[in-house]
C-alpha atoms as a PDB file:
ATOM      1  CA  MET A   1      70.324  73.768 101.997  1.00  0.00           C
ATOM      2  CA  ARG A   2      73.990  74.555 101.405  1.00  0.00           C
ATOM      3  CA  ARG A   3      75.860  76.234 104.260  1.00  0.00           C
ATOM      4  CA  PHE A   4      78.681  78.670 103.514  1.00  0.00           C
ATOM      5  CA  PRO A   5      80.655  81.085 105.651  1.00  0.00           C
ATOM      6  CA  PRO A   6      79.496  84.729 105.302  1.00  0.00           C
ATOM      7  CA  ILE A   7      80.433  86.190 101.914  1.00  0.00           C
ATOM      8  CA  LYS A   8      82.019  89.190 103.684  1.00  0.00           C
ATOM      9  CA  ALA A   9      84.444  86.859 105.440  1.00  0.00           C
ATOM     10  CA  LEU A  10      85.340  85.095 102.187  1.00  0.00           C
ATOM     11  CA  LEU A  11      85.897  88.393 100.362  1.00  0.00           C
ATOM     12  CA  ALA A  12      87.992  89.733 103.245  1.00  0.00           C
ATOM     13  CA  PHE A  13      90.120  86.601 103.276  1.00  0.00           C
ATOM     14  CA  ALA A  14      90.624  86.596  99.498  1.00  0.00           C
ATOM     15  CA  ALA A  15      91.710  90.254  99.513  1.00  0.00           C
ATOM     16  CA  ALA A  16      94.076  89.701 102.450  1.00  0.00           C
ATOM     17  CA  ALA A  17      95.597  86.657 100.744  1.00  0.00           C
ATOM     18  CA  ARG A  18      96.226  88.702  97.580  1.00  0.00           C
ATOM     19  CA  HIS A  19      97.821  91.640  99.369  1.00  0.00           C
ATOM     20  CA  LEU A  20      99.342  89.806 102.361  1.00  0.00           C
ATOM     21  CA  HIS A  21      98.449  92.972 104.232  1.00  0.00           C
ATOM     22  CA  PHE A  22      95.227  93.599 106.156  1.00  0.00           C
ATOM     23  CA  GLY A  23      95.366  97.368 105.672  1.00  0.00           C
ATOM     24  CA  ARG A  24      95.648  97.152 101.887  1.00  0.00           C
ATOM     25  CA  ALA A  25      92.927  94.485 101.809  1.00  0.00           C
ATOM     26  CA  GLY A  26      90.720  96.858 103.771  1.00  0.00           C
ATOM     27  CA  ALA A  27      91.432  99.687 101.324  1.00  0.00           C
ATOM     28  CA  GLU A  28      90.335  97.446  98.439  1.00  0.00           C
ATOM     29  CA  LEU A  29      87.035  96.649 100.179  1.00  0.00           C
ATOM     30  CA  ASN A  30      86.557 100.128 101.700  1.00  0.00           C
ATOM     31  CA  VAL A  31      86.773  98.892 105.290  1.00  0.00           C
ATOM     32  CA  SER A  32      89.409  99.134 108.008  1.00  0.00           C
ATOM     33  CA  GLY A  33      92.263  96.686 108.457  1.00  0.00           C
ATOM     34  CA  SER A  34      90.805  95.693 111.824  1.00  0.00           C
ATOM     35  CA  ALA A  35      87.525  94.804 110.106  1.00  0.00           C
ATOM     36  CA  ILE A  36      89.464  92.500 107.778  1.00  0.00           C
ATOM     37  CA  SER A  37      91.183  90.895 110.781  1.00  0.00           C
ATOM     38  CA  HIS A  38      87.808  90.388 112.486  1.00  0.00           C
ATOM     39  CA  GLN A  39      86.269  88.722 109.419  1.00  0.00           C
ATOM     40  CA  ILE A  40      89.267  86.421 109.034  1.00  0.00           C
ATOM     41  CA  ALA A  41      89.103  85.435 112.704  1.00  0.00           C
ATOM     42  CA  LYS A  42      85.433  84.490 112.208  1.00  0.00           C
ATOM     43  CA  LEU A  43      86.325  82.449 109.122  1.00  0.00           C
ATOM     44  CA  GLU A  44      89.176  80.651 110.905  1.00  0.00           C
ATOM     45  CA  ALA A  45      86.840  79.798 113.784  1.00  0.00           C
ATOM     46  CA  GLU A  46      84.183  78.483 111.413  1.00  0.00           C
ATOM     47  CA  ILE A  47      86.454  76.202 109.400  1.00  0.00           C
ATOM     48  CA  GLY A  48      88.673  75.270 112.341  1.00  0.00           C
ATOM     49  CA  SER A  49      92.002  76.079 110.678  1.00  0.00           C
ATOM     50  CA  ARG A  50      94.495  78.921 110.782  1.00  0.00           C
ATOM     51  CA  LEU A  51      94.697  80.747 107.458  1.00  0.00           C
ATOM     52  CA  PHE A  52      97.488  83.232 108.205  1.00  0.00           C
ATOM     53  CA  VAL A  53     100.692  83.317 110.174  1.00  0.00           C
ATOM     54  CA  ARG A  54     101.624  86.668 111.698  1.00  0.00           C
ATOM     55  CA  ALA A  55     105.278  87.172 112.587  1.00  0.00           C
ATOM     56  CA  ASN A  56     107.680  90.132 112.750  1.00  0.00           C
ATOM     57  CA  GLY A  57     105.031  92.487 111.448  1.00  0.00           C
ATOM     58  CA  ARG A  58     104.447  90.393 108.323  1.00  0.00           C
ATOM     59  CA  VAL A  59     101.507  88.269 107.240  1.00  0.00           C
ATOM     60  CA  SER A  60     101.771  85.042 105.253  1.00  0.00           C
ATOM     61  CA  THR A  61      99.272  82.339 104.374  1.00  0.00           C
ATOM     62  CA  THR A  62      99.391  78.849 105.831  1.00  0.00           C
ATOM     63  CA  PRO A  63      99.217  75.857 103.455  1.00  0.00           C
ATOM     64  CA  VAL A  64      95.467  75.679 104.168  1.00  0.00           C
ATOM     65  CA  GLY A  65      95.174  79.400 103.513  1.00  0.00           C
ATOM     66  CA  ARG A  66      97.038  79.186 100.202  1.00  0.00           C
ATOM     67  CA  ALA A  67      94.836  76.346  98.978  1.00  0.00           C
ATOM     68  CA  LEU A  68      91.662  78.145 100.030  1.00  0.00           C
ATOM     69  CA  ALA A  69      92.787  81.418  98.424  1.00  0.00           C
ATOM     70  CA  ALA A  70      93.546  79.742  95.108  1.00  0.00           C
ATOM     71  CA  GLY A  71      90.174  77.982  95.091  1.00  0.00           C
ATOM     72  CA  LEU A  72      88.227  81.105  96.035  1.00  0.00           C
ATOM     73  CA  GLU A  73      89.927  83.263  93.383  1.00  0.00           C
ATOM     74  CA  LYS A  74      88.960  80.712  90.747  1.00  0.00           C
ATOM     75  CA  ARG A  75      85.356  80.604  91.965  1.00  0.00           C
ATOM     76  CA  PHE A  76      85.100  84.404  92.207  1.00  0.00           C
ATOM     77  CA  ASP A  77      86.368  84.661  88.620  1.00  0.00           C
ATOM     78  CA  GLU A  78      83.692  82.186  87.544  1.00  0.00           C
ATOM     79  CA  ILE A  79      80.994  84.159  89.386  1.00  0.00           C
ATOM     80  CA  GLU A  80      82.165  87.421  87.800  1.00  0.00           C
ATOM     81  CA  ALA A  81      82.070  85.813  84.370  1.00  0.00           C
ATOM     82  CA  LEU A  82      78.518  84.559  85.010  1.00  0.00           C
ATOM     83  CA  LEU A  83      77.388  87.998  86.143  1.00  0.00           C
ATOM     84  CA  ALA A  84      79.065  89.655  83.156  1.00  0.00           C
ATOM     85  CA  ARG A  85      77.310  87.280  80.764  1.00  0.00           C
ATOM     86  CA  ALA A  86      73.989  87.885  82.495  1.00  0.00           C
ATOM     87  CA  SER A  87      74.325  91.682  82.468  1.00  0.00           C
ATOM     88  CA  THR A  88      75.353  91.812  78.813  1.00  0.00           C
ATOM     89  CA  ALA A  89      72.968  89.191  77.480  1.00  0.00           C
ATOM     90  CA  THR A  90      70.836  91.874  75.861  1.00  0.00           C
ATOM     91  CA  ALA A  91      73.103  94.926  75.763  1.00  0.00           C
ATOM     92  CA  GLY A  92      76.278  93.236  74.487  1.00  0.00           C
ATOM     93  CA  ARG A  93      79.697  93.244  76.147  1.00  0.00           C
ATOM     94  CA  ARG A  94      81.508  96.581  76.281  1.00  0.00           C
ATOM     95  CA  LYS A  95      85.239  96.683  75.743  1.00  0.00           C
ATOM     96  CA  VAL A  96      87.923  99.376  75.948  1.00  0.00           C
ATOM     97  CA  THR A  97      91.478  98.731  74.781  1.00  0.00           C
ATOM     98  CA  VAL A  98      94.106 100.745  76.671  1.00  0.00           C
ATOM     99  CA  VAL A  99      97.823 101.039  75.967  1.00  0.00           C
ATOM    100  CA  ALA A 100     100.187 102.755  78.404  1.00  0.00           C
ATOM    101  CA  GLY A 101     103.798 103.024  79.463  1.00  0.00           C
ATOM    102  CA  ALA A 102     104.943 100.037  81.494  1.00  0.00           C
ATOM    103  CA  SER A 103     105.685 101.949  84.709  1.00  0.00           C
ATOM    104  CA  LEU A 104     102.384 103.829  84.739  1.00  0.00           C
ATOM    105  CA  ALA A 105     100.525 100.625  83.872  1.00  0.00           C
ATOM    106  CA  SER A 106     102.193  98.658  86.660  1.00  0.00           C
ATOM    107  CA  LEU A 107     102.367 101.209  89.471  1.00  0.00           C
ATOM    108  CA  TRP A 108      99.135 103.179  89.050  1.00  0.00           C
ATOM    109  CA  LEU A 109      96.892 102.304  86.122  1.00  0.00           C
ATOM    110  CA  ALA A 110      96.299  98.557  86.560  1.00  0.00           C
ATOM    111  CA  ASP A 111      94.881  98.997  90.064  1.00  0.00           C
ATOM    112  CA  ARG A 112      92.494 101.751  88.895  1.00  0.00           C
ATOM    113  CA  ILE A 113      91.351  99.668  85.947  1.00  0.00           C
ATOM    114  CA  GLU A 114      90.534  96.815  88.305  1.00  0.00           C
ATOM    115  CA  ARG A 115      88.488  99.165  90.486  1.00  0.00           C
ATOM    116  CA  TYR A 116      86.637 100.455  87.439  1.00  0.00           C
ATOM    117  CA  ARG A 117      85.939  96.953  86.172  1.00  0.00           C
ATOM    118  CA  ARG A 118      84.548  95.867  89.539  1.00  0.00           C
ATOM    119  CA  ALA A 119      82.264  98.913  89.639  1.00  0.00           C
ATOM    120  CA  ASN A 120      81.096  98.421  86.043  1.00  0.00           C
ATOM    121  CA  ARG A 121      79.862  94.890  85.468  1.00  0.00           C
ATOM    122  CA  GLY A 122      80.032  93.838  81.853  1.00  0.00           C
ATOM    123  CA  MET A 123      82.921  96.172  81.028  1.00  0.00           C
ATOM    124  CA  HIS A 124      86.074  94.503  79.707  1.00  0.00           C
ATOM    125  CA  ILE A 125      89.317  96.516  79.807  1.00  0.00           C
ATOM    126  CA  LYS A 126      92.350  95.269  77.922  1.00  0.00           C
ATOM    127  CA  LEU A 127      95.605  96.883  79.124  1.00  0.00           C
ATOM    128  CA  THR A 128      98.852  96.548  77.164  1.00  0.00           C
ATOM    129  CA  SER A 129     102.192  98.132  78.119  1.00  0.00           C
ATOM    130  CA  VAL A 130     104.120  99.884  75.345  1.00  0.00           C
ATOM    131  CA  SER A 131     107.185 102.110  75.022  1.00  0.00           C
ATOM    132  CA  ASP A 132     105.866 104.361  72.257  1.00  0.00           C
ATOM    133  CA  TRP A 133     102.616 105.501  70.687  1.00  0.00           C
ATOM    134  CA  PRO A 134     100.774 102.811  68.700  1.00  0.00           C
ATOM    135  CA  SER A 135     101.714 102.603  65.034  1.00  0.00           C
ATOM    136  CA  SER A 136      99.208 103.077  62.226  1.00  0.00           C
ATOM    137  CA  GLY A 137      96.907 100.097  61.905  1.00  0.00           C
ATOM    138  CA  THR A 138      97.245  99.099  65.583  1.00  0.00           C
ATOM    139  CA  HIS A 139      93.870  98.934  67.305  1.00  0.00           C
ATOM    140  CA  PHE A 140      93.507 100.854  70.558  1.00  0.00           C
ATOM    141  CA  ASP A 141      90.929 103.112  72.160  1.00  0.00           C
ATOM    142  CA  VAL A 142      92.990 104.997  74.742  1.00  0.00           C
ATOM    143  CA  ALA A 143      96.758 105.539  74.928  1.00  0.00           C
ATOM    144  CA  ILE A 144      98.515 107.178  77.895  1.00  0.00           C
ATOM    145  CA  LEU A 145     102.249 107.761  77.594  1.00  0.00           C
ATOM    146  CA  TYR A 146     104.946 109.811  79.223  1.00  0.00           C
ATOM    147  CA  ALA A 147     105.629 113.219  77.730  1.00  0.00           C
ATOM    148  CA  GLY A 148     109.195 112.122  76.969  1.00  0.00           C
ATOM    149  CA  ALA A 149     107.939 109.731  74.285  1.00  0.00           C
ATOM    150  CA  SER A 150     107.735 110.805  70.651  1.00  0.00           C
ATOM    151  CA  ALA A 151     104.869 113.039  69.514  1.00  0.00           C
ATOM    152  CA  PRO A 152     101.510 111.210  69.296  1.00  0.00           C
ATOM    153  CA  ARG A 153     100.200 110.351  65.839  1.00  0.00           C
ATOM    154  CA  TYR A 154      96.621 110.769  67.041  1.00  0.00           C
ATOM    155  CA  PRO A 155      94.509 113.512  68.659  1.00  0.00           C
ATOM    156  CA  TRP A 156      95.886 114.000  72.170  1.00  0.00           C
ATOM    157  CA  ALA A 157      95.653 116.161  75.277  1.00  0.00           C
ATOM    158  CA  PRO A 158      97.633 116.637  78.501  1.00  0.00           C
ATOM    159  CA  PHE A 159      96.344 114.139  81.064  1.00  0.00           C
ATOM    160  CA  ALA A 160      98.432 114.330  84.250  1.00  0.00           C
ATOM    161  CA  LYS A 161     101.243 116.341  85.758  1.00  0.00           C
ATOM    162  CA  GLU A 162     103.703 115.141  88.366  1.00  0.00           C
ATOM    163  CA  ALA A 163     105.833 116.432  91.227  1.00  0.00           C
ATOM    164  CA  VAL A 164     109.344 115.008  91.032  1.00  0.00           C
ATOM    165  CA  ALA A 165     111.135 114.470  94.334  1.00  0.00           C
ATOM    166  CA  PRO A 166     113.600 112.065  95.991  1.00  0.00           C
ATOM    167  CA  TYR A 167     112.184 108.880  97.512  1.00  0.00           C
ATOM    168  CA  ALA A 168     113.668 106.287  99.846  1.00  0.00           C
ATOM    169  CA  SER A 169     112.701 103.166 101.741  1.00  0.00           C
ATOM    170  CA  PRO A 170     111.422 103.703 105.309  1.00  0.00           C
ATOM    171  CA  GLY A 171     114.734 102.421 106.703  1.00  0.00           C
ATOM    172  CA  VAL A 172     116.893 104.753 104.618  1.00  0.00           C
ATOM    173  CA  SER A 173     114.541 107.649 105.384  1.00  0.00           C
ATOM    174  CA  ARG A 174     114.886 107.092 109.128  1.00  0.00           C
ATOM    175  CA  ARG A 175     118.674 107.158 108.850  1.00  0.00           C
ATOM    176  CA  LEU A 176     118.572 110.427 106.904  1.00  0.00           C
ATOM    177  CA  GLY A 177     116.148 112.185 109.261  1.00  0.00           C
ATOM    178  CA  LYS A 178     113.179 114.410 108.503  1.00  0.00           C
ATOM    179  CA  ARG A 179     115.066 117.238 106.758  1.00  0.00           C
ATOM    180  CA  PRO A 180     118.298 115.846 105.264  1.00  0.00           C
ATOM    181  CA  SER A 181     120.787 118.218 103.687  1.00  0.00           C
ATOM    182  CA  LEU A 182     121.499 118.141  99.971  1.00  0.00           C
ATOM    183  CA  LYS A 183     124.994 116.947 100.884  1.00  0.00           C
ATOM    184  CA  ALA A 184     123.511 113.983 102.760  1.00  0.00           C
ATOM    185  CA  ILE A 185     121.353 113.191  99.715  1.00  0.00           C
ATOM    186  CA  ALA A 186     124.393 113.276  97.424  1.00  0.00           C
ATOM    187  CA  SER A 187     126.339 110.941  99.732  1.00  0.00           C
ATOM    188  CA  LEU A 188     123.954 108.005  99.171  1.00  0.00           C
ATOM    189  CA  PRO A 189     123.635 105.787  96.069  1.00  0.00           C
ATOM    190  CA  LEU A 190     121.563 107.705  93.525  1.00  0.00           C
ATOM    191  CA  ILE A 191     119.337 105.601  91.284  1.00  0.00           C
ATOM    192  CA  GLY A 192     118.648 106.993  87.819  1.00  0.00           C
ATOM    193  CA  SER A 193     115.442 106.253  85.931  1.00  0.00           C
ATOM    194  CA  SER A 194     113.647 107.220  82.730  1.00  0.00           C
ATOM    195  CA  ASN A 195     112.140 110.385  84.233  1.00  0.00           C
ATOM    196  CA  ILE A 196     112.643 113.509  82.109  1.00  0.00           C
ATOM    197  CA  LEU A 197     114.207 115.224  85.139  1.00  0.00           C
ATOM    198  CA  ASN A 198     117.447 113.501  86.189  1.00  0.00           C
ATOM    199  CA  TRP A 199     119.598 113.863  89.293  1.00  0.00           C
ATOM    200  CA  SER A 200     121.949 116.314  87.594  1.00  0.00           C
ATOM    201  CA  ASP A 201     118.997 118.573  86.708  1.00  0.00           C
ATOM    202  CA  TRP A 202     117.631 118.284  90.233  1.00  0.00           C
ATOM    203  CA  PHE A 203     120.844 119.348  92.004  1.00  0.00           C
ATOM    204  CA  ARG A 204     121.284 122.169  89.463  1.00  0.00           C
ATOM    205  CA  ALA A 205     117.761 123.435  90.177  1.00  0.00           C
ATOM    206  CA  PHE A 206     118.796 124.084  93.780  1.00  0.00           C
ATOM    207  CA  ASP A 207     122.267 125.487  92.985  1.00  0.00           C
ATOM    208  CA  ALA A 208     123.948 122.354  94.298  1.00  0.00           C
ATOM    209  CA  GLU A 209     125.414 120.878  91.104  1.00  0.00           C
ATOM    210  CA  HIS A 210     128.833 120.868  92.805  1.00  0.00           C
ATOM    211  CA  LEU A 211     127.568 118.085  95.080  1.00  0.00           C
ATOM    212  CA  PHE A 212     126.582 115.778  92.223  1.00  0.00           C
ATOM    213  CA  GLU A 213     129.092 113.500  90.544  1.00  0.00           C
ATOM    214  CA  ALA A 214     127.134 110.776  88.756  1.00  0.00           C
ATOM    215  CA  GLU A 215     124.194 108.438  89.123  1.00  0.00           C
ATOM    216  CA  ASP A 216     125.369 105.237  90.792  1.00  0.00           C
ATOM    217  CA  ILE A 217     122.768 103.021  89.109  1.00  0.00           C
ATOM    218  CA  GLU A 218     120.864 103.805  85.920  1.00  0.00           C
ATOM    219  CA  LEU A 219     117.718 101.902  84.946  1.00  0.00           C
ATOM    220  CA  ASP A 220     115.542 102.335  81.871  1.00  0.00           C
ATOM    221  CA  ARG A 221     112.209 101.881  83.636  1.00  0.00           C
ATOM    222  CA  SER A 222     110.835 103.993  86.473  1.00  0.00           C
ATOM    223  CA  MET A 223     109.177 100.939  88.020  1.00  0.00           C
ATOM    224  CA  LEU A 224     112.568  99.202  88.302  1.00  0.00           C
ATOM    225  CA  ALA A 225     114.214 102.256  89.838  1.00  0.00           C
ATOM    226  CA  ILE A 226     111.372 102.744  92.317  1.00  0.00           C
ATOM    227  CA  ASP A 227     111.483  99.079  93.314  1.00  0.00           C
ATOM    228  CA  LEU A 228     115.235  99.305  93.945  1.00  0.00           C
ATOM    229  CA  ALA A 229     114.718 102.323  96.201  1.00  0.00           C
ATOM    230  CA  ARG A 230     111.851 100.552  97.972  1.00  0.00           C
ATOM    231  CA  ARG A 231     114.278  97.758  98.841  1.00  0.00           C
ATOM    232  CA  GLY A 232     116.699 100.198 100.434  1.00  0.00           C
ATOM    233  CA  LYS A 233     119.351 100.178  97.706  1.00  0.00           C
ATOM    234  CA  GLY A 234     119.526 103.951  97.297  1.00  0.00           C
ATOM    235  CA  LEU A 235     117.488 107.058  96.518  1.00  0.00           C
ATOM    236  CA  VAL A 236     115.337 107.505  93.440  1.00  0.00           C
ATOM    237  CA  LEU A 237     114.215 110.792  91.878  1.00  0.00           C
ATOM    238  CA  GLU A 238     110.705 110.073  90.717  1.00  0.00           C
ATOM    239  CA  SER A 239     107.104 111.007  90.087  1.00  0.00           C
ATOM    240  CA  ASP A 240     104.644 111.416  92.939  1.00  0.00           C
ATOM    241  CA  LEU A 241     102.022 109.758  90.733  1.00  0.00           C
ATOM    242  CA  LEU A 242     104.076 106.602  90.208  1.00  0.00           C
ATOM    243  CA  ALA A 243     105.082 106.524  93.876  1.00  0.00           C
ATOM    244  CA  HIS A 244     101.564 107.300  95.121  1.00  0.00           C
ATOM    245  CA  ASP A 245     100.394 103.822  96.148  1.00  0.00           C
ATOM    246  CA  LEU A 246     103.729 102.822  97.699  1.00  0.00           C
ATOM    247  CA  VAL A 247     103.795 106.045  99.758  1.00  0.00           C
ATOM    248  CA  ARG A 248     100.170 105.496 100.792  1.00  0.00           C
ATOM    249  CA  ASP A 249     101.035 101.991 101.980  1.00  0.00           C
ATOM    250  CA  GLY A 250     104.151 103.136 103.866  1.00  0.00           C
ATOM    251  CA  ARG A 251     106.559 101.227 101.636  1.00  0.00           C
ATOM    252  CA  LEU A 252     108.229 104.349 100.210  1.00  0.00           C
ATOM    253  CA  ILE A 253     108.904 107.751 101.770  1.00  0.00           C
ATOM    254  CA  ARG A 254     109.101 111.071  99.962  1.00  0.00           C
ATOM    255  CA  LEU A 255     112.075 113.008 101.319  1.00  0.00           C
ATOM    256  CA  ALA A 256     111.942 116.714 102.149  1.00  0.00           C
ATOM    257  CA  PRO A 257     115.556 117.910 101.845  1.00  0.00           C
ATOM    258  CA  GLN A 258     116.627 121.283 103.199  1.00  0.00           C
ATOM    259  CA  GLY A 259     116.723 123.911 100.475  1.00  0.00           C
ATOM    260  CA  ALA A 260     114.732 121.839  97.977  1.00  0.00           C
ATOM    261  CA  ALA A 261     111.120 121.335  96.944  1.00  0.00           C
ATOM    262  CA  PRO A 262     109.246 119.012  94.559  1.00  0.00           C
ATOM    263  CA  ILE A 263     109.571 120.093  90.935  1.00  0.00           C
ATOM    264  CA  TRP A 264     106.329 120.058  88.967  1.00  0.00           C
ATOM    265  CA  GLN A 265     106.222 119.174  85.289  1.00  0.00           C
ATOM    266  CA  HIS A 266     103.740 118.052  82.632  1.00  0.00           C
ATOM    267  CA  ALA A 267     104.028 114.292  82.610  1.00  0.00           C
ATOM    268  CA  TYR A 268     101.440 112.227  80.737  1.00  0.00           C
ATOM    269  CA  ARG A 269      99.527 112.690  77.507  1.00  0.00           C
ATOM    270  CA  ILE A 270      96.356 110.859  76.533  1.00  0.00           C
ATOM    271  CA  ALA A 271      95.398 110.017  72.937  1.00  0.00           C
ATOM    272  CA  LEU A 272      92.307 108.474  71.382  1.00  0.00           C
ATOM    273  CA  GLY A 273      92.345 105.818  68.703  1.00  0.00           C
ATOM    274  CA  PRO A 274      90.348 106.002  65.477  1.00  0.00           C
ATOM    275  CA  SER A 275      86.575 106.090  66.169  1.00  0.00           C
ATOM    276  CA  ALA A 276      87.143 105.888  69.961  1.00  0.00           C
ATOM    277  CA  ALA A 277      85.771 109.392  70.552  1.00  0.00           C
ATOM    278  CA  SER A 278      82.323 108.275  69.374  1.00  0.00           C
ATOM    279  CA  ASP A 279      82.230 105.307  71.779  1.00  0.00           C
ATOM    280  CA  ALA A 280      80.308 106.147  74.944  1.00  0.00           C
ATOM    281  CA  SER A 281      82.174 103.423  76.858  1.00  0.00           C
ATOM    282  CA  VAL A 282      85.516 105.073  76.059  1.00  0.00           C
ATOM    283  CA  ALA A 283      84.291 108.508  77.143  1.00  0.00           C
ATOM    284  CA  GLU A 284      82.896 107.066  80.375  1.00  0.00           C
ATOM    285  CA  PHE A 285      86.157 105.276  81.161  1.00  0.00           C
ATOM    286  CA  VAL A 286      88.420 108.266  80.382  1.00  0.00           C
ATOM    287  CA  HIS A 287      86.364 110.628  82.539  1.00  0.00           C
ATOM    288  CA  TRP A 288      86.334 108.103  85.390  1.00  0.00           C
ATOM    289  CA  LEU A 289      90.100 107.693  85.116  1.00  0.00           C
ATOM    290  CA  TRP A 290      90.678 111.457  85.177  1.00  0.00           C
ATOM    291  CA  HIS A 291      88.629 111.688  88.371  1.00  0.00           C
ATOM    292  CA  ALA A 292      90.709 108.823  89.843  1.00  0.00           C
ATOM    293  CA  LEU A 293      93.837 110.993  89.634  1.00  0.00           C
ATOM    294  CA  PRO A 294      94.906 112.774  92.824  1.00  0.00           C
ATOM    295  CA  ALA A 295      93.560 116.315  92.473  1.00  0.00           C
ATOM    296  CA  ARG A 296      97.051 117.842  92.436  1.00  0.00           C
ATOM    297  CA  ASN A 297      98.014 115.718  89.416  1.00  0.00           C
ATOM    298  CA  CYS A 298      95.032 116.549  87.209  1.00  0.00           C
ATOM    299  CA  GLU A 299      95.470 118.526  84.034  1.00  0.00           C
ATOM    300  CA  PRO A 300      92.358 120.656  83.252  1.00  0.00           C
ATOM    301  CA  ILE A 301      89.264 118.600  82.463  1.00  0.00           C
ATOM    302  CA  GLU A 302      88.593 121.050  79.636  1.00  0.00           C
ATOM    303  CA  ALA A 303      91.563 119.555  77.799  1.00  0.00           C
ATOM    304  CA  ILE A 304      89.901 116.127  77.922  1.00  0.00           C
ATOM    305  CA  GLU A 305      86.592 117.553  76.703  1.00  0.00           C
ATOM    306  CA  ALA A 306      88.365 119.327  73.835  1.00  0.00           C
ATOM    307  CA  LEU A 307      90.181 116.104  72.933  1.00  0.00           C
ATOM    308  CA  PHE A 308      86.892 114.242  72.400  1.00  0.00           C
ATOM    309  CA  ALA A 309      85.479 117.136  70.398  1.00  0.00           C
ATOM    310  CA  VAL A 310      88.537 117.303  68.094  1.00  0.00           C
ATOM    311  CA  ALA A 311      88.783 113.510  67.747  1.00  0.00           C
ATOM    312  CA  LYS A 312      85.169 113.282  66.577  1.00  0.00           C
ATOM    313  CA  LEU A 313      86.039 115.649  63.710  1.00  0.00           C
ATOM    314  CA  SER A 314      89.182 113.738  62.692  1.00  0.00           C
END
């Protein structure tokens, strides 16, 4: 009989190797970071090799760990494919095609789609990043774009709202203190992004436009601006939805300046492609995704229900 290490240990190791962070690996598997560490210790003892190096608060894989991680990911993919084929042998494979703005796709949506796929064997989700609504003749089932894009050509509804606030890396946040003044905010490099609300609007909203001169760096993608702030290069004015996972993981800090508060605005619209409203798989996915939003970011579920009703009549 074949002998393998416990599957829990292998899954824990694979997740830790992907994230290079035991806490985030634990979040993926719904266990604690210490449970991940315990499983990896058992695996290292069983195979007789160190799989990770821990130094200066960081985790990296050893050469043995990198080779094992690559091999396991390939085998897990093969197992998933086998299970998908088995579960859809009679029912047929279900597929939903999603298009979304690049920043939302990268910073929030892709991770949720992966969770959905893992919980729904046999479901295939295709995600494509776009900068505008799909043109006529382009196949898609679900499109989610920022409200600043042009008007949708298809039945649509409000999907998510956002709170816009300044964000900084942990190091920059510590230097500023818990309640920095607006003057202190204005003294640092200000990173501009594609958010509808810019730094000039933000200072004006709190009667502090006299403090603002110009954005020091201007980027055309929120994900690029957020990444620059994460690396300590300045402050970014951004969406709490896009920053959600980085804040959760402690890699980005939302600032709470004196005399200022997050500014809420309607952010994302969702549209359905031709015939998508009649597809039960699409409806199931959209409702799951709405429930995956933080409660404070949800637009009314009634808007989603109305969207499907209208789209079926189109």
